[in-house]
Amino acid sequence: MLLDPTTLLLGCAALIGCAALTASFVRWPVWGIGLYIAVQLWQTQQNVRQSLPGAGLNLLPTDVLTVCLLFAALIMLRGRWRGAPALLLALLVLTGYALIRGFGVFGIQAAGNEARTNFIQLLCAALFVAVLSTRLNLVRAVTHIWVLAACALSCLALLGWLNVGIGSNSDQIMVDGVLTNARPVSAAQTLVIGQAAMMLLCGRGSARVRALASLLLVVVILAQHRTIWLAVGIMITGWLLSRHRQTGSRAAALAVLGSLGMLSMLAVSWGAAGGVTSKLTASSEDDRTLVWRMEGWHALLPRLKEVPDWLMGLPFGSGYDRVINGVFVAVSPHNYYLEVLLRLGLLGVAVLLLVYATAWRAAGADSEHKLMLRLLICSQLVYMITYSLTPEQAVILGLLTACAQRRGACRPPTIEESPCLTKPHSSPASPARTARI
């Protein structure tokens, strides 16, 4: 098949652009993380779904970034593949195996679309962050990116509430002739806001930083995603328990809780006319979505019939078709553990949990970031119970993996490890002085 000059020119330009992006990610990794998060949140908010003509796949902006991040990770992988990054590589290998099987059975379109977001994009972006050198002060860079993203998402949530009011998790509104949920930010976006708030609280910030964290937590409450309420509640509980034994920190914890309570009361009072209190109560008492999900989980498990299916999972493209209450449903299982089990088998679930176990153990040797890293682990473990792990969470997963490469990897160098020229050392007495003595 001959290609016309225009197509050939566009293809060459695309290759040059991807090569330039890959080189920039290798040279400035933090830029790559920030760009990926910005594009990912933007396309989620705008619901971008541009189709590639004739390819049968939905080509997203993050697909291009994912390819560049993967090549950049492979370039920087030399000498850093051992330990926790090797576990991510193992997950990528299992994903590739299930994907190849899916190509042969269901075709490139079905298998590729199913594996792209929650597996390929997630693992490639996580691997890129995982192989970064901890000398880049990776924790601080990710914290800054996360706080900026949380502030932007909070502004979007505020604009949504000003336009349509604060709705419960079951309220529907009409947007461009289509019924959609009344909540302006999704659960994945709300998780970013909650994680950013806990990052601020775990740092050594001023009163302004704690006030910003309190504002972000109020946004989490008003967003009305119960899984995020549970995840953030566990993180706050862990933060309070860790502060209980530290000198001078109890007052700061009480100040944050007091500020959070006052801001919540003000927000509820401000929206009392619109029934905010009743909306929060409705969201907390509505168990229909949880029951619906559990019935779906029960309907999907029998698809694993043979021992190889349990060990290695079913190929991508198999779908998640099931019948719940007489209604045909084809969406994802809303449980990432089950999703990994269905596609990567028990082996994939074991490797995924081993990633978090390794990160949890390594965080114990990092006195500066121990609390924050472990709270982030808890947030993702809780989130995956009712949702799939989204691509933006790949940055957190990669951060946890990077800090778990070796014990104390995120710890700043001590005097003995520092190459500083003023390092104290002992020198033998000079020969002349020894002779005079």
Protein backbone atom coordinates (compact mmCIF):
# COMPACT_ATOMS: atom_id res chain seq x y z
CA MET A 1 0.00 0.00 0.00
CA LEU A 2 1.45 3.35 -1.11
CA LEU A 3 1.25 6.34 1.20
CA ASP A 4 0.53 9.77 -0.19
CA PRO A 5 3.11 12.52 0.54
CA THR A 6 0.81 14.30 3.01
CA THR A 7 0.37 11.19 5.17
CA LEU A 8 4.09 10.46 5.02
CA LEU A 9 4.92 14.03 6.02
CA LEU A 10 2.49 13.95 8.93
CA GLY A 11 3.92 10.62 10.06
CA CYS A 12 7.47 11.96 10.04
CA ALA A 13 6.35 15.06 11.96
CA ALA A 14 4.64 12.85 14.54
CA LEU A 15 7.78 10.75 15.00
CA ILE A 16 9.93 13.86 15.42
CA GLY A 17 7.44 15.29 17.92
CA CYS A 18 7.38 12.07 19.96
CA ALA A 19 11.18 11.91 19.93
CA ALA A 20 11.38 15.52 21.13
CA LEU A 21 8.87 14.84 23.91
CA THR A 22 10.74 11.70 24.97
CA ALA A 23 14.04 13.59 25.11
CA SER A 24 12.46 16.37 27.15
CA PHE A 25 11.01 13.85 29.61
CA VAL A 26 14.45 12.29 30.08
CA ARG A 27 16.06 15.69 30.54
CA TRP A 28 13.33 17.26 32.70
CA PRO A 29 11.29 14.46 34.34
CA VAL A 30 9.21 16.76 36.53
CA TRP A 31 8.01 18.53 33.39
CA GLY A 32 6.84 15.18 32.06
CA ILE A 33 4.89 14.42 35.23
CA GLY A 34 3.24 17.82 35.28
CA LEU A 35 2.29 17.68 31.60
CA TYR A 36 0.84 14.19 31.94
CA ILE A 37 -1.31 15.14 34.95
CA ALA A 38 -2.51 18.37 33.31
CA VAL A 39 -3.50 16.62 30.06
CA GLN A 40 -5.08 13.69 31.89
CA LEU A 41 -7.26 15.89 34.11
CA TRP A 42 -8.16 18.12 31.18
CA GLN A 43 -9.31 15.31 28.92
CA THR A 44 -11.27 13.76 31.80
CA GLN A 45 -13.04 17.04 32.52
CA GLN A 46 -13.75 17.71 28.82
CA ASN A 47 -14.63 14.06 28.12
CA VAL A 48 -12.26 14.00 25.16
CA ARG A 49 -12.82 11.00 22.89
CA GLN A 50 -11.31 11.68 19.45
CA SER A 51 -11.34 8.68 17.09
CA LEU A 52 -8.44 7.87 14.81
CA PRO A 53 -9.95 7.38 11.31
CA GLY A 54 -9.68 3.83 10.08
CA ALA A 55 -7.79 2.48 13.09
CA GLY A 56 -10.77 1.39 15.14
CA LEU A 57 -9.27 2.80 18.33
CA ASN A 58 -10.10 5.88 20.37
CA LEU A 59 -6.92 7.91 20.25
CA LEU A 60 -6.53 10.14 23.31
CA PRO A 61 -3.88 12.81 23.97
CA THR A 62 -2.58 10.74 26.87
CA ASP A 63 -1.95 7.82 24.51
CA VAL A 64 0.80 9.82 22.82
CA LEU A 65 2.21 10.93 26.17
CA THR A 66 2.10 7.33 27.42
CA VAL A 67 4.26 6.13 24.53
CA CYS A 68 6.77 8.91 25.17
CA LEU A 69 6.80 8.18 28.92
CA LEU A 70 7.40 4.49 28.26
CA PHE A 71 10.37 5.14 25.96
CA ALA A 72 11.77 7.65 28.45
CA ALA A 73 11.40 5.10 31.24
CA LEU A 74 13.21 2.43 29.22
CA ILE A 75 16.05 4.87 28.53
CA MET A 76 16.41 5.68 32.24
CA LEU A 77 15.89 2.08 33.37
CA ARG A 78 19.59 1.15 33.32
CA GLY A 79 20.58 -0.12 36.75
CA ARG A 80 17.21 0.81 38.30
CA TRP A 81 15.05 -2.15 37.35
CA ARG A 82 15.67 -4.17 40.48
CA GLY A 83 13.32 -4.20 43.45
CA ALA A 84 9.96 -2.46 43.27
CA PRO A 85 10.32 -1.25 39.63
CA ALA A 86 10.77 -4.88 38.63
CA LEU A 87 7.30 -5.57 40.01
CA LEU A 88 5.83 -2.90 37.73
CA LEU A 89 7.72 -4.48 34.83
CA ALA A 90 6.18 -7.82 35.80
CA LEU A 91 2.70 -6.29 35.67
CA LEU A 92 3.51 -4.82 32.25
CA VAL A 93 4.65 -8.25 31.03
CA LEU A 94 1.43 -9.86 32.29
CA THR A 95 -0.57 -7.08 30.61
CA GLY A 96 1.29 -7.62 27.34
CA TYR A 97 0.64 -11.36 27.48
CA ALA A 98 -3.09 -10.87 28.07
CA LEU A 99 -3.14 -8.21 25.34
CA ILE A 100 -1.50 -10.46 22.75
CA ARG A 101 -3.96 -13.22 23.55
CA GLY A 102 -6.78 -10.70 23.15
CA PHE A 103 -5.47 -9.60 19.75
CA GLY A 104 -5.74 -13.16 18.47
CA VAL A 105 -9.21 -13.84 19.84
CA PHE A 106 -11.09 -10.52 19.82
CA GLY A 107 -9.02 -8.30 17.53
CA ILE A 108 -6.91 -5.22 18.08
CA GLN A 109 -9.85 -2.87 18.55
CA ALA A 110 -11.61 -4.67 21.40
CA ALA A 111 -8.46 -5.77 23.23
CA GLY A 112 -6.64 -2.45 22.86
CA ASN A 113 -9.56 -0.31 23.98
CA GLU A 114 -10.10 -2.43 27.06
CA ALA A 115 -6.46 -2.51 28.16
CA ARG A 116 -5.47 1.05 27.29
CA THR A 117 -6.54 3.26 30.20
CA ASN A 118 -6.51 1.21 33.39
CA PHE A 119 -3.55 -0.99 32.49
CA ILE A 120 -1.26 0.33 29.74
CA GLN A 121 -1.43 4.04 30.55
CA LEU A 122 -1.41 3.40 34.29
CA LEU A 123 1.59 1.06 34.34
CA CYS A 124 3.67 2.98 31.78
CA ALA A 125 3.28 6.29 33.63
CA ALA A 126 3.96 4.59 36.96
CA LEU A 127 7.12 2.99 35.57
CA PHE A 128 8.36 6.38 34.35
CA VAL A 129 8.03 7.89 37.84
CA ALA A 130 9.39 4.75 39.51
CA VAL A 131 12.74 4.84 37.68
CA LEU A 132 13.42 8.50 38.46
CA SER A 133 16.34 9.24 40.73
CA THR A 134 15.30 10.21 44.25
CA ARG A 135 17.95 12.95 44.16
CA LEU A 136 15.42 15.00 42.20
CA ASN A 137 13.49 15.55 45.44
CA LEU A 138 10.69 13.61 43.85
CA VAL A 139 8.35 13.78 46.84
CA ARG A 140 8.45 17.57 46.93
CA ALA A 141 7.90 17.85 43.16
CA VAL A 142 4.89 15.50 43.18
CA THR A 143 3.45 17.34 46.20
CA HIS A 144 3.61 20.67 44.37
CA ILE A 145 1.98 19.18 41.26
CA TRP A 146 -0.73 17.53 43.33
CA VAL A 147 -1.59 20.69 45.27
CA LEU A 148 -1.81 22.75 42.07
CA ALA A 149 -4.07 20.12 40.48
CA ALA A 150 -6.25 20.01 43.61
CA CYS A 151 -6.67 23.79 43.64
CA ALA A 152 -7.67 23.80 39.96
CA LEU A 153 -10.18 20.98 40.52
CA SER A 154 -11.60 22.76 43.57
CA CYS A 155 -12.20 25.87 41.46
CA LEU A 156 -14.02 23.74 38.88
CA ALA A 157 -16.14 22.21 41.64
CA LEU A 158 -17.00 25.67 42.99
CA LEU A 159 -18.06 26.86 39.53
CA GLY A 160 -20.25 23.79 39.14
CA TRP A 161 -21.94 24.34 42.47
CA LEU A 162 -22.58 27.98 41.66
CA ASN A 163 -24.23 26.98 38.36
CA VAL A 164 -26.38 23.99 39.34
CA GLY A 165 -26.16 23.81 43.12
CA ILE A 166 -24.87 21.03 45.34
CA GLY A 167 -26.45 17.72 44.40
CA SER A 168 -26.34 14.31 46.01
CA ASN A 169 -24.83 11.21 44.45
CA SER A 170 -28.21 10.25 42.95
CA ASP A 171 -29.27 13.63 41.54
CA GLN A 172 -29.33 14.04 37.77
CA ILE A 173 -29.14 17.23 35.70
CA MET A 174 -29.66 17.89 31.99
CA VAL A 175 -26.49 18.95 30.13
CA ASP A 176 -26.77 19.42 26.34
CA GLY A 177 -29.83 17.22 26.28
CA VAL A 178 -28.14 14.38 28.21
CA LEU A 179 -28.83 13.41 31.81
CA THR A 180 -25.67 13.41 33.90
CA ASN A 181 -24.75 13.26 37.57
CA ALA A 182 -25.07 16.54 39.47
CA ARG A 183 -21.64 16.26 41.06
CA PRO A 184 -19.18 18.56 39.22
CA VAL A 185 -16.05 16.50 39.99
CA SER A 186 -15.61 12.76 39.67
CA ALA A 187 -14.44 10.38 42.36
CA ALA A 188 -10.96 10.20 40.80
CA GLN A 189 -10.66 13.99 40.83
CA THR A 190 -11.95 14.19 44.40
CA LEU A 191 -9.32 11.64 45.45
CA VAL A 192 -6.62 13.95 44.06
CA ILE A 193 -8.03 16.79 46.19
CA GLY A 194 -8.08 14.64 49.32
CA GLN A 195 -4.56 13.35 48.75
CA ALA A 196 -3.28 16.89 48.24
CA ALA A 197 -4.87 17.98 51.52
CA MET A 198 -3.13 15.17 53.39
CA MET A 199 0.19 15.98 51.71
CA LEU A 200 -0.09 19.52 53.06
CA LEU A 201 -0.99 18.31 56.55
CA CYS A 202 1.90 15.84 56.63
CA GLY A 203 4.41 18.53 55.70
CA ARG A 204 5.93 21.16 57.93
CA GLY A 205 3.72 23.98 56.72
CA SER A 206 2.53 27.21 58.23
CA ALA A 207 -0.96 28.17 59.34
CA ARG A 208 -1.77 29.17 55.75
CA VAL A 209 -0.87 25.71 54.53
CA ARG A 210 -3.12 24.10 57.14
CA ALA A 211 -5.93 26.49 56.18
CA LEU A 212 -5.58 25.48 52.52
CA ALA A 213 -5.68 21.82 53.54
CA SER A 214 -8.88 22.47 55.50
CA LEU A 215 -10.49 24.14 52.48
CA LEU A 216 -9.58 21.17 50.28
CA LEU A 217 -11.11 18.78 52.81
CA VAL A 218 -14.35 20.78 52.75
CA VAL A 219 -14.43 20.35 48.98
CA VAL A 220 -14.02 16.59 49.48
CA ILE A 221 -17.01 16.56 51.84
CA LEU A 222 -19.25 18.55 49.50
CA ALA A 223 -18.21 16.46 46.47
CA GLN A 224 -20.20 13.58 48.01
CA HIS A 225 -18.26 10.53 46.91
CA ARG A 226 -18.58 8.03 49.74
CA THR A 227 -15.54 5.96 48.80
CA ILE A 228 -13.44 9.13 48.96
CA TRP A 229 -15.02 10.01 52.30
CA LEU A 230 -13.85 6.63 53.60
CA ALA A 231 -10.35 6.95 52.10
CA VAL A 232 -9.82 10.50 53.40
CA GLY A 233 -11.32 9.56 56.76
CA ILE A 234 -8.77 6.76 57.13
CA MET A 235 -5.96 9.15 56.16
CA ILE A 236 -7.11 11.77 58.69
CA THR A 237 -7.37 9.11 61.39
CA GLY A 238 -3.83 7.94 60.67
CA TRP A 239 -2.59 11.53 60.68
CA LEU A 240 -4.24 12.25 64.05
CA LEU A 241 -2.89 9.06 65.60
CA SER A 242 0.64 9.90 64.44
CA ARG A 243 0.38 13.42 65.80
CA HIS A 244 -0.92 12.30 69.17
CA ARG A 245 2.53 11.41 70.49
CA GLN A 246 4.48 14.25 68.96
CA THR A 247 5.30 17.29 71.07
CA GLY A 248 3.50 20.44 70.05
CA SER A 249 1.60 18.80 67.22
CA ARG A 250 -1.61 18.07 69.12
CA ALA A 251 -2.56 21.73 69.08
CA ALA A 252 -1.98 21.89 65.33
CA ALA A 253 -4.17 18.84 64.79
CA LEU A 254 -6.94 20.33 66.91
CA ALA A 255 -6.63 23.60 65.02
CA VAL A 256 -7.05 21.80 61.69
CA LEU A 257 -10.07 19.87 62.93
CA GLY A 258 -11.58 23.05 64.37
CA SER A 259 -11.04 24.94 61.13
CA LEU A 260 -12.49 22.05 59.14
CA GLY A 261 -15.56 21.95 61.38
CA MET A 262 -16.13 25.70 61.14
CA LEU A 263 -15.71 25.72 57.37
CA SER A 264 -18.11 22.79 57.02
CA MET A 265 -20.70 24.56 59.16
CA LEU A 266 -20.32 27.73 57.10
CA ALA A 267 -20.65 25.81 53.85
CA VAL A 268 -23.72 23.97 55.06
CA SER A 269 -25.26 27.20 56.42
CA TRP A 270 -24.54 28.98 53.12
CA GLY A 271 -26.33 26.27 51.19
CA ALA A 272 -29.06 25.47 53.70
CA ALA A 273 -31.66 27.11 51.45
CA GLY A 274 -30.66 24.74 48.68
CA GLY A 275 -30.95 21.69 50.92
CA VAL A 276 -27.25 20.90 51.28
CA THR A 277 -27.80 19.06 54.55
CA SER A 278 -30.45 16.85 53.00
CA LYS A 279 -28.16 16.18 50.01
CA LEU A 280 -25.32 15.05 52.26
CA THR A 281 -27.71 12.84 54.21
CA ALA A 282 -29.09 11.33 51.01
CA SER A 283 -25.61 10.58 49.73
CA SER A 284 -24.55 8.90 52.98
CA GLU A 285 -27.70 6.77 53.25
CA ASP A 286 -28.05 5.70 49.61
CA ASP A 287 -26.76 2.13 49.31
CA ARG A 288 -28.15 1.32 45.88
CA THR A 289 -24.85 1.79 44.05
CA LEU A 290 -22.98 -0.43 46.49
CA VAL A 291 -25.57 -3.21 46.19
CA TRP A 292 -25.50 -2.84 42.40
CA ARG A 293 -21.72 -3.20 42.36
CA MET A 294 -21.68 -6.22 44.64
CA GLU A 295 -24.24 -7.98 42.46
CA GLY A 296 -22.05 -7.21 39.46
CA TRP A 297 -18.97 -8.63 41.17
CA HIS A 298 -20.86 -11.81 41.99
CA ALA A 299 -21.96 -12.13 38.36
CA LEU A 300 -18.43 -11.71 36.94
CA LEU A 301 -16.53 -14.22 39.09
CA PRO A 302 -18.06 -17.35 37.44
CA ARG A 303 -16.36 -16.31 34.18
CA LEU A 304 -13.12 -17.71 35.61
CA LYS A 305 -13.79 -21.39 35.01
CA GLU A 306 -10.46 -23.15 34.48
CA VAL A 307 -7.30 -23.14 36.58
CA PRO A 308 -5.34 -21.17 33.91
CA ASP A 309 -8.07 -18.54 33.97
CA TRP A 310 -7.61 -18.08 37.71
CA LEU A 311 -3.84 -17.97 37.43
CA MET A 312 -3.37 -15.77 34.32
CA GLY A 313 -6.79 -14.23 33.78
CA LEU A 314 -8.86 -13.88 30.63
CA PRO A 315 -7.52 -12.09 27.54
CA PHE A 316 -8.28 -8.43 26.99
CA GLY A 317 -11.39 -7.94 24.88
CA SER A 318 -13.40 -10.52 26.83
CA GLY A 319 -15.54 -7.69 28.17
CA TYR A 320 -17.40 -7.35 31.45
CA ASP A 321 -20.89 -8.24 30.23
CA ARG A 322 -23.31 -9.21 32.98
CA VAL A 323 -26.97 -8.96 33.90
CA ILE A 324 -27.93 -7.07 37.07
CA ASN A 325 -31.60 -7.01 38.08
CA GLY A 326 -32.61 -7.96 34.58
CA VAL A 327 -30.56 -5.16 32.97
CA PHE A 328 -27.61 -5.85 30.66
CA VAL A 329 -24.43 -4.09 31.89
CA ALA A 330 -21.08 -3.91 30.06
CA VAL A 331 -19.09 -1.35 32.07
CA SER A 332 -15.99 -2.14 34.15
CA PRO A 333 -16.51 -4.00 37.45
CA HIS A 334 -15.96 -0.86 39.62
CA ASN A 335 -13.39 -2.83 41.60
CA TYR A 336 -9.77 -2.77 40.49
CA TYR A 337 -8.85 -5.90 42.43
CA LEU A 338 -11.52 -7.83 40.51
CA GLU A 339 -10.51 -6.17 37.24
CA VAL A 340 -6.90 -7.25 37.71
CA LEU A 341 -8.06 -10.74 38.68
CA LEU A 342 -10.16 -11.07 35.53
CA ARG A 343 -7.36 -9.92 33.20
CA LEU A 344 -4.06 -10.77 34.95
CA GLY A 345 -5.23 -13.55 37.26
CA LEU A 346 -4.21 -14.28 40.82
CA LEU A 347 -0.61 -13.76 39.76
CA GLY A 348 -1.36 -10.16 38.79
CA VAL A 349 -3.23 -9.46 42.02
CA ALA A 350 -0.34 -10.89 44.04
CA VAL A 351 2.23 -8.73 42.21
CA LEU A 352 0.06 -5.61 42.63
CA LEU A 353 -0.31 -6.16 46.37
CA LEU A 354 3.41 -6.90 46.62
CA VAL A 355 4.12 -3.46 45.15
CA TYR A 356 2.18 -1.82 47.97
CA ALA A 357 3.65 -4.13 50.62
CA THR A 358 7.18 -3.29 49.46
CA ALA A 359 6.37 0.43 49.46
CA TRP A 360 4.85 0.22 52.95
CA ARG A 361 7.90 -1.52 54.34
CA ALA A 362 10.34 0.87 52.68
CA ALA A 363 8.39 3.89 53.94
CA GLY A 364 9.24 2.85 57.51
CA ALA A 365 12.89 3.77 56.89
CA ASP A 366 12.01 7.27 55.68
CA SER A 367 11.56 9.36 58.81
CA GLU A 368 10.68 12.49 56.83
CA HIS A 369 7.98 11.12 54.52
CA LYS A 370 6.96 7.91 56.29
CA LEU A 371 3.51 9.13 57.32
CA MET A 372 2.60 10.70 53.99
CA LEU A 373 3.69 7.69 51.93
CA ARG A 374 1.76 5.25 54.07
CA LEU A 375 -1.38 7.41 54.02
CA LEU A 376 -1.18 7.56 50.22
CA ILE A 377 -0.93 3.77 50.13
CA CYS A 378 -4.07 3.51 52.26
CA SER A 379 -5.95 5.93 50.01
CA GLN A 380 -5.29 3.88 46.89
CA LEU A 381 -6.04 0.54 48.56
CA VAL A 382 -9.44 1.86 49.70
CA TYR A 383 -10.19 3.56 46.39
CA MET A 384 -9.63 0.35 44.42
CA ILE A 385 -12.44 -1.39 46.31
CA THR A 386 -15.15 0.43 44.33
CA TYR A 387 -13.27 2.07 41.44
CA SER A 388 -10.59 1.28 38.89
CA LEU A 389 -7.24 2.92 39.50
CA THR A 390 -7.16 5.89 37.11
CA PRO A 391 -4.09 6.98 35.08
CA GLU A 392 -3.41 10.09 37.19
CA GLN A 393 -2.94 7.81 40.20
CA ALA A 394 -0.03 6.27 38.30
CA VAL A 395 2.10 9.18 39.55
CA ILE A 396 1.38 8.26 43.17
CA LEU A 397 1.97 4.58 42.44
CA GLY A 398 5.26 5.42 40.75
CA LEU A 399 6.26 7.68 43.64
CA LEU A 400 5.64 4.86 46.11
CA THR A 401 7.65 2.50 43.93
CA ALA A 402 10.53 4.98 43.54
CA CYS A 403 10.77 5.44 47.29
CA ALA A 404 10.76 1.66 47.73
CA GLN A 405 13.73 1.00 45.43
CA ARG A 406 15.96 0.71 48.44
CA ARG A 407 15.49 1.27 52.13
CA GLY A 408 15.71 4.96 52.87
CA ALA A 409 15.73 6.01 49.23
CA CYS A 410 13.74 9.17 49.92
CA ARG A 411 15.87 10.10 52.92
CA PRO A 412 18.23 13.03 52.43
CA PRO A 413 21.92 12.05 52.60
CA THR A 414 23.61 12.14 55.97
CA ILE A 415 26.96 13.75 56.71
CA GLU A 416 28.74 10.46 56.18
CA GLU A 417 27.08 10.02 52.75
CA SER A 418 27.40 13.62 51.63
CA PRO A 419 30.17 14.59 49.19
CA CYS A 420 30.47 18.01 50.86
CA LEU A 421 34.05 19.29 51.03
CA THR A 422 33.56 20.43 54.61
CA LYS A 423 32.92 16.91 55.76
CA PRO A 424 34.73 16.33 59.07
CA HIS A 425 37.49 13.79 58.87
CA SER A 426 40.56 12.80 60.78
CA SER A 427 44.00 13.10 59.24
CA PRO A 428 47.21 11.51 60.48
CA ALA A 429 49.88 13.74 61.98
CA SER A 430 52.42 15.08 59.54
CA PRO A 431 55.90 13.42 59.52
CA ALA A 432 57.64 16.66 60.56
CA ARG A 433 55.37 17.19 63.53
CA THR A 434 55.78 13.55 64.56
CA ALA A 435 59.53 13.88 64.42
CA ARG A 436 59.56 17.02 66.58
CA ILE A 437 57.49 15.26 69.21
